[in-house]
Structure formats: structure tokens, C-alpha cells
Amino acid sequence: MRQTLDAFVASLPAYLATPARVLLILLLAGLALRFTPRLISRLRRTLQERQDSAEDARRIHTLSRVIRYVVTVAVTVVTGIVILGEFGISVAPILGAAGVVGIALGFGAQSLVKDYFTGFFLLLENQIRIGDIVEAGGKAGVVEELTLRYLRLRDYDGNVHYIPNGTVSVVTNKSLGYAFAVIDAGVAYGEDVDRVMAVMRAVGEALRQDAGFAPKILEPLEIAGVDRWADSAVVIRCRFKVMPLEQWNVRREYLRRLKAAFDREGIEIPFPHVKLVASPPAEVR
């Protein structure tokens, strides 16, 4: 192939040789930029289909996006260097100067370098994957994109947050491995706590047997007991161990069913109220 291209270029007039080579380089670079992402996407889908868990599939998806970004940058840089060589511009001095400029930029743009190093370790240590729900950099939301430079989150209101990786010091991942749906149920002080917990346990078991929620709940309801005495309620804490990202759905459905069960059993769900104590009037002499 190389010999055929060289023979084709040699057959052209001298003034067309360089433009022809440049066009061929741009054509090959364009083909690489067009088909490489498709190849990476096809390889990603193949690897995802072979994974046993959704977490590994999300990690492969995240890594594939970063690899596509790196390949795009590498092809662009190599293309530029080869084109400069075709015009007779020596690349070695440029690379040497680029090294000096890179050192200067490294001192002047330390935050940018920190972004790339932090992004690299976020990927290497599998702390964040696309599709996870995380808290990072003071923001929380669904991970839509993770590059070597920034993290993009979308919160529940639809707002998009771009967080430089260098500012991420603590990552709270709410969708890694499993999650807990934690529920605090408040009942009136006059209710029998043991009876209330029995009703809560029965509702939890019924939810776990439901065909729509059985795959989401990993273990039976765990009741911790009386968590605190609030102003007008006894608060009982419990939790479900659930699949990642299902803690909110399970919690909402359990609360809905628990409200119906409390109404059916006559268990009072308190609301804030004030008790007034009136003392008898003093005797008038």
C-alpha cells in the first residue's frame, strides 16, 4: 500500500507532490477519526455483553469514552506533525520547544495538571462510572460524562454541573455494589411500639414478595428499633438492602404501603401539636 501511494505521488508533477501527500494524510486521518470511535463502540458493546454485573458494564462504558478521547487527540497530534514534515519543517526543534513550553505551562497551570492526574486515578481506581449517582465537589447527581479533566453531573432538577477533577477531594458514590433504603417512621407516643414494628415488618415482607420489587430487594427488612423521641412522635428506623440506584424507589413504595397499613390498623401518624395546661385561677380575697 505504501509503495503504491509513493508511486502515485511520484508520477505527479513536482508542484503537486506535496499537496497530494497532505491530502492523503488528511484523508487517512479523517478515516481514522471516523471509524476508530465506531470500532471502540463495537468493542465496548461486545465486552459489556460478556459482563456479569451492571457495574462492570458501566465501568467499560466510562473507559471506552476516555479511550476514544485519547485516540482522537493522538491522531490529531500525529497528523499535524506529519503534515509539518511534508512542508519541510523540522519536527525535532518543535518537539524540543514544546517540551520547554510544557514545563513552563506545568508551573503556570498546576490546576490543569492536577485535573488530569485526579481524573486518571478516578478511572484507574473505579471510583466513578457513567450512570452512577455521586456527590463530588459539593454537587450531587447522575454521572453523564467523566473525562481526564472534568466530571459532568446532572441533578434531579435537570441542572448540569461541570466539576474540574482537581477540585474533587471526596467522592460519595451511592450506586456501588448495593445500597440501603433507610426509612424513619414516626408514630404517636400512645402507640404500642412492638405492635408498630410487627406491622412494619409485615409490610416489608409483603413488599419483598411483590414481583415488581423482589429483584430489587436483596435482604428482608431490618428494623433497628426506636431511633429517637421527637417532639410529637416516636421515630422507628428501619432499612432495606437493595440493588444500586433502587433505594429511592423502594423507600417511596414502602412508605406508601406503610401509610395504608397504619390507617388500616388504626395506628396514629402524629403531627406537630402543642399541649396547653391551664392552672386553676388563684382565689380572690
Protein backbone atom coordinates (compact mmCIF):
# COMPACT_ATOMS: atom_id res chain seq x y z
CA MET A 1 0.00 0.00 0.00
CA ARG A 2 2.81 2.37 0.92
CA GLN A 3 4.67 1.64 -2.31
CA THR A 4 1.52 2.21 -4.35
CA LEU A 5 0.96 5.61 -2.73
CA ASP A 6 4.60 6.59 -3.24
CA ALA A 7 4.45 5.55 -6.88
CA PHE A 8 1.24 7.54 -7.36
CA VAL A 9 2.73 10.65 -5.80
CA ALA A 10 5.99 10.26 -7.79
CA SER A 11 4.02 10.21 -11.01
CA LEU A 12 2.55 13.65 -10.27
CA PRO A 13 4.25 16.95 -11.18
CA ALA A 14 6.63 18.28 -8.57
CA TYR A 15 4.38 21.16 -7.56
CA LEU A 16 1.51 18.72 -6.86
CA ALA A 17 3.50 16.15 -4.88
CA THR A 18 3.35 17.91 -1.52
CA PRO A 19 -0.36 18.88 -1.74
CA ALA A 20 -1.18 15.32 -2.79
CA ARG A 21 0.67 13.89 0.19
CA VAL A 22 -1.06 16.33 2.54
CA LEU A 23 -4.46 15.41 1.12
CA LEU A 24 -3.70 11.73 1.54
CA ILE A 25 -2.60 12.30 5.15
CA LEU A 26 -5.77 14.25 5.89
CA LEU A 27 -7.85 11.56 4.21
CA LEU A 28 -6.26 8.80 6.29
CA ALA A 29 -6.63 10.88 9.46
CA GLY A 30 -10.29 11.53 8.65
CA LEU A 31 -10.90 7.82 8.12
CA ALA A 32 -9.18 7.02 11.40
CA LEU A 33 -11.25 9.61 13.27
CA ARG A 34 -14.42 8.32 11.64
CA PHE A 35 -14.01 4.59 12.08
CA THR A 36 -11.99 4.37 15.31
CA PRO A 37 -14.92 5.55 17.51
CA ARG A 38 -17.17 3.01 15.79
CA LEU A 39 -14.64 0.26 16.42
CA ILE A 40 -14.32 1.28 20.07
CA SER A 41 -18.11 1.38 20.46
CA ARG A 42 -18.49 -2.07 18.93
CA LEU A 43 -15.74 -3.45 21.18
CA ARG A 44 -17.43 -1.80 24.19
CA ARG A 45 -20.78 -3.41 23.42
CA THR A 46 -19.12 -6.79 23.00
CA LEU A 47 -17.34 -6.52 26.34
CA GLN A 48 -20.47 -5.26 28.10
CA GLU A 49 -22.47 -8.25 26.90
CA ARG A 50 -19.90 -10.58 28.47
CA GLN A 51 -20.04 -8.93 31.91
CA ASP A 52 -21.94 -10.50 34.78
CA SER A 53 -22.86 -7.26 36.53
CA ALA A 54 -24.14 -3.85 35.51
CA GLU A 55 -21.30 -2.21 37.45
CA ASP A 56 -18.62 -3.76 35.23
CA ALA A 57 -20.63 -2.74 32.16
CA ARG A 58 -20.76 0.88 33.37
CA ARG A 59 -17.02 0.86 34.02
CA ILE A 60 -16.32 -0.37 30.48
CA HIS A 61 -18.60 2.35 29.12
CA THR A 62 -16.70 5.01 31.06
CA LEU A 63 -13.28 3.74 29.98
CA SER A 64 -14.34 3.50 26.33
CA ARG A 65 -15.29 7.20 26.27
CA VAL A 66 -11.92 8.18 27.72
CA ILE A 67 -10.04 5.93 25.28
CA ARG A 68 -11.93 7.47 22.37
CA TYR A 69 -10.96 10.94 23.57
CA VAL A 70 -7.28 9.96 23.91
CA VAL A 71 -7.22 8.33 20.45
CA THR A 72 -8.78 11.44 18.90
CA VAL A 73 -6.13 13.69 20.45
CA ALA A 74 -3.31 11.31 19.45
CA VAL A 75 -4.46 11.07 15.81
CA THR A 76 -4.82 14.86 15.60
CA VAL A 77 -1.34 15.50 17.01
CA VAL A 78 0.37 12.89 14.82
CA THR A 79 -1.41 14.23 11.74
CA GLY A 80 -0.21 17.75 12.48
CA ILE A 81 3.39 16.59 12.95
CA VAL A 82 3.40 14.56 9.70
CA ILE A 83 1.93 17.47 7.71
CA LEU A 84 4.61 19.79 9.05
CA GLY A 85 7.21 17.28 7.92
CA GLU A 86 5.73 17.28 4.41
CA PHE A 87 6.28 21.04 4.19
CA GLY A 88 9.93 20.61 5.16
CA ILE A 89 9.53 21.92 8.68
CA SER A 90 11.82 20.10 11.09
CA VAL A 91 9.79 18.50 13.84
CA ALA A 92 12.63 17.94 16.32
CA PRO A 93 13.08 21.62 17.29
CA ILE A 94 9.31 21.97 17.62
CA LEU A 95 9.14 18.97 19.94
CA GLY A 96 12.04 20.37 21.97
CA ALA A 97 10.37 23.73 22.24
CA ALA A 98 7.10 22.03 23.12
CA GLY A 99 8.89 20.28 25.96
CA VAL A 100 10.19 23.58 27.34
CA VAL A 101 6.78 25.21 26.91
CA GLY A 102 5.18 22.19 28.57
CA ILE A 103 7.41 22.61 31.63
CA ALA A 104 6.54 26.31 31.80
CA LEU A 105 2.85 25.56 31.45
CA GLY A 106 3.19 22.88 34.10
CA PHE A 107 4.28 25.52 36.61
CA GLY A 108 1.76 28.07 35.41
CA ALA A 109 -1.21 25.73 35.06
CA GLN A 110 -0.83 23.41 38.02
CA SER A 111 -4.60 23.19 38.49
CA LEU A 112 -4.98 21.83 34.96
CA VAL A 113 -2.28 19.22 35.56
CA LYS A 114 -3.98 18.31 38.83
CA ASP A 115 -7.27 17.84 36.95
CA TYR A 116 -5.70 15.30 34.61
CA PHE A 117 -3.90 13.39 37.36
CA THR A 118 -7.02 13.21 39.52
CA GLY A 119 -9.16 12.13 36.55
CA PHE A 120 -6.67 9.38 35.75
CA PHE A 121 -6.86 7.95 39.26
CA LEU A 122 -10.66 8.28 39.39
CA LEU A 123 -10.76 5.99 36.36
CA LEU A 124 -7.96 3.69 37.48
CA GLU A 125 -9.49 3.08 40.91
CA ASN A 126 -13.04 2.71 39.52
CA GLN A 127 -14.44 5.34 41.87
CA ILE A 128 -16.93 6.80 39.37
CA ARG A 129 -18.70 5.31 36.35
CA ILE A 130 -21.12 6.80 33.87
CA GLY A 131 -24.66 6.27 35.18
CA ASP A 132 -23.66 6.37 38.86
CA ILE A 133 -25.25 8.78 41.32
CA VAL A 134 -22.49 10.54 43.23
CA GLU A 135 -21.68 13.52 45.42
CA ALA A 136 -18.45 15.24 44.40
CA GLY A 137 -17.14 18.76 44.51
CA GLY A 138 -20.11 19.92 46.56
CA LYS A 139 -22.64 18.76 43.93
CA ALA A 140 -24.76 15.62 43.54
CA GLY A 141 -26.35 13.97 40.53
CA VAL A 142 -26.11 11.34 37.82
CA VAL A 143 -22.73 11.00 36.12
CA GLU A 144 -23.21 11.83 32.45
CA GLU A 145 -19.56 12.17 31.46
CA LEU A 146 -16.16 11.60 33.02
CA THR A 147 -13.03 12.75 31.21
CA LEU A 148 -9.47 13.20 32.39
CA ARG A 149 -10.22 16.88 33.02
CA TYR A 150 -13.76 17.22 34.37
CA LEU A 151 -16.80 15.41 35.74
CA ARG A 152 -20.27 16.26 34.44
CA LEU A 153 -23.28 15.69 36.72
CA ARG A 154 -27.00 16.25 36.17
CA ASP A 155 -29.07 16.75 39.30
CA TYR A 156 -32.72 15.93 39.95
CA ASP A 157 -33.85 19.35 38.70
CA GLY A 158 -32.07 18.82 35.39
CA ASN A 159 -29.22 21.22 36.14
CA VAL A 160 -25.85 20.21 34.69
CA HIS A 161 -22.71 20.69 36.81
CA TYR A 162 -19.17 20.66 35.36
CA ILE A 163 -16.69 19.84 38.12
CA PRO A 164 -12.91 20.02 37.47
CA ASN A 165 -11.38 16.78 38.67
CA GLY A 166 -8.75 18.67 40.65
CA THR A 167 -11.43 20.02 42.99
CA VAL A 168 -12.76 16.54 43.81
CA SER A 169 -11.31 15.58 47.18
CA VAL A 170 -14.10 13.28 48.41
CA VAL A 171 -16.40 11.11 46.28
CA THR A 172 -19.62 9.67 47.70
CA ASN A 173 -20.86 7.00 45.31
CA LYS A 174 -24.47 5.99 46.00
CA SER A 175 -24.60 3.20 43.43
CA LEU A 176 -21.58 1.00 44.06
CA GLY A 177 -22.26 -2.64 44.89
CA TYR A 178 -25.50 -2.19 46.82
CA ALA A 179 -27.43 0.46 48.74
CA PHE A 180 -29.69 0.83 51.77
CA ALA A 181 -33.17 2.32 51.65
CA VAL A 182 -33.40 3.92 55.10
CA ILE A 183 -36.87 4.76 56.44
CA ASP A 184 -37.78 6.69 59.59
CA ALA A 185 -41.41 6.08 60.63
CA GLY A 186 -42.95 8.30 63.30
CA VAL A 187 -45.88 7.13 65.43
CA ALA A 188 -47.74 8.69 68.32
CA TYR A 189 -46.45 8.27 71.86
CA GLY A 190 -49.60 6.36 72.81
CA GLU A 191 -48.98 3.53 70.33
CA ASP A 192 -47.58 0.12 71.25
CA VAL A 193 -44.07 0.15 69.74
CA ASP A 194 -43.85 -3.65 69.47
CA ARG A 195 -47.15 -3.75 67.58
CA VAL A 196 -45.99 -0.97 65.27
CA MET A 197 -42.77 -2.82 64.48
CA ALA A 198 -44.73 -6.00 63.73
CA VAL A 199 -46.86 -4.09 61.21
CA MET A 200 -43.73 -2.55 59.65
CA ARG A 201 -42.14 -5.98 59.34
CA ALA A 202 -45.27 -7.44 57.71
CA VAL A 203 -45.42 -4.57 55.18
CA GLY A 204 -41.75 -5.05 54.41
CA GLU A 205 -42.19 -8.77 53.79
CA ALA A 206 -45.18 -8.14 51.53
CA LEU A 207 -43.13 -5.66 49.53
CA ARG A 208 -40.28 -8.13 49.25
CA GLN A 209 -42.67 -10.78 47.89
CA ASP A 210 -44.03 -8.40 45.24
CA ALA A 211 -42.97 -9.47 41.75
CA GLY A 212 -42.06 -5.94 40.75
CA PHE A 213 -39.82 -5.29 43.77
CA ALA A 214 -38.44 -8.74 44.60
CA PRO A 215 -35.43 -8.40 42.21
CA LYS A 216 -34.60 -5.01 43.71
CA ILE A 217 -34.58 -6.04 47.40
CA LEU A 218 -31.59 -8.15 48.44
CA GLU A 219 -32.45 -8.90 52.10
CA PRO A 220 -35.51 -8.76 54.42
CA LEU A 221 -36.41 -5.57 56.22
CA GLU A 222 -34.02 -4.77 59.07
CA ILE A 223 -35.60 -2.82 61.95
CA ALA A 224 -33.05 -1.01 64.08
CA GLY A 225 -35.66 -0.03 66.71
CA VAL A 226 -36.62 3.24 68.34
CA ASP A 227 -34.21 5.81 66.94
CA ARG A 228 -35.27 8.90 68.89
CA TRP A 229 -38.03 10.66 70.78
CA ALA A 230 -39.13 13.57 68.63
CA ASP A 231 -41.30 16.47 69.79
CA SER A 232 -44.55 14.69 68.96
CA ALA A 233 -43.56 11.23 67.72
CA VAL A 234 -41.61 8.10 68.50
CA VAL A 235 -39.32 7.56 65.48
CA ILE A 236 -38.60 3.96 64.48
CA ARG A 237 -35.77 3.40 61.99
CA CYS A 238 -35.55 0.54 59.51
CA ARG A 239 -33.83 -0.21 56.21
CA PHE A 240 -33.78 -2.48 53.14
CA LYS A 241 -30.62 -3.70 51.44
CA VAL A 242 -31.34 -3.11 47.76
CA MET A 243 -29.75 -3.07 44.32
CA PRO A 244 -27.80 0.06 43.33
CA LEU A 245 -29.96 3.05 42.35
CA GLU A 246 -33.12 1.38 43.70
CA GLN A 247 -33.05 2.79 47.24
CA TRP A 248 -35.33 5.71 46.40
CA ASN A 249 -37.93 3.63 44.54
CA VAL A 250 -38.09 1.03 47.32
CA ARG A 251 -38.30 3.70 50.02
CA ARG A 252 -41.18 5.54 48.31
CA GLU A 253 -43.18 2.35 47.76
CA TYR A 254 -42.62 1.16 51.33
CA LEU A 255 -43.80 4.48 52.74
CA ARG A 256 -46.89 4.36 50.55
CA ARG A 257 -47.78 0.86 51.76
CA LEU A 258 -46.90 1.65 55.36
CA LYS A 259 -49.27 4.63 55.37
CA ALA A 260 -52.11 2.39 54.16
CA ALA A 261 -51.25 -0.26 56.78
CA PHE A 262 -51.16 2.28 59.63
CA ASP A 263 -54.58 3.61 58.56
CA ARG A 264 -55.95 0.09 58.40
CA GLU A 265 -54.59 -0.85 61.83
CA GLY A 266 -55.62 2.41 63.45
CA ILE A 267 -52.03 3.44 64.22
CA GLU A 268 -51.79 7.19 64.59
CA ILE A 269 -49.25 9.07 62.49
CA PRO A 270 -48.68 12.19 64.59
CA PHE A 271 -48.45 15.77 63.52
CA PRO A 272 -46.89 18.62 65.49
CA HIS A 273 -49.18 19.85 68.23
CA VAL A 274 -48.94 21.81 71.43
CA LYS A 275 -50.42 20.68 74.74
CA LEU A 276 -51.72 23.51 76.90
CA VAL A 277 -52.01 23.03 80.66
CA ALA A 278 -54.30 25.55 82.38
CA SER A 279 -53.86 26.08 86.09
CA PRO A 280 -56.88 26.99 88.26
CA PRO A 281 -57.30 30.69 88.94
CA ALA A 282 -55.96 31.99 92.20
CA GLU A 283 -58.50 32.65 94.97
CA VAL A 284 -59.57 36.20 95.22
CA ARG A 285 -59.56 37.51 98.77
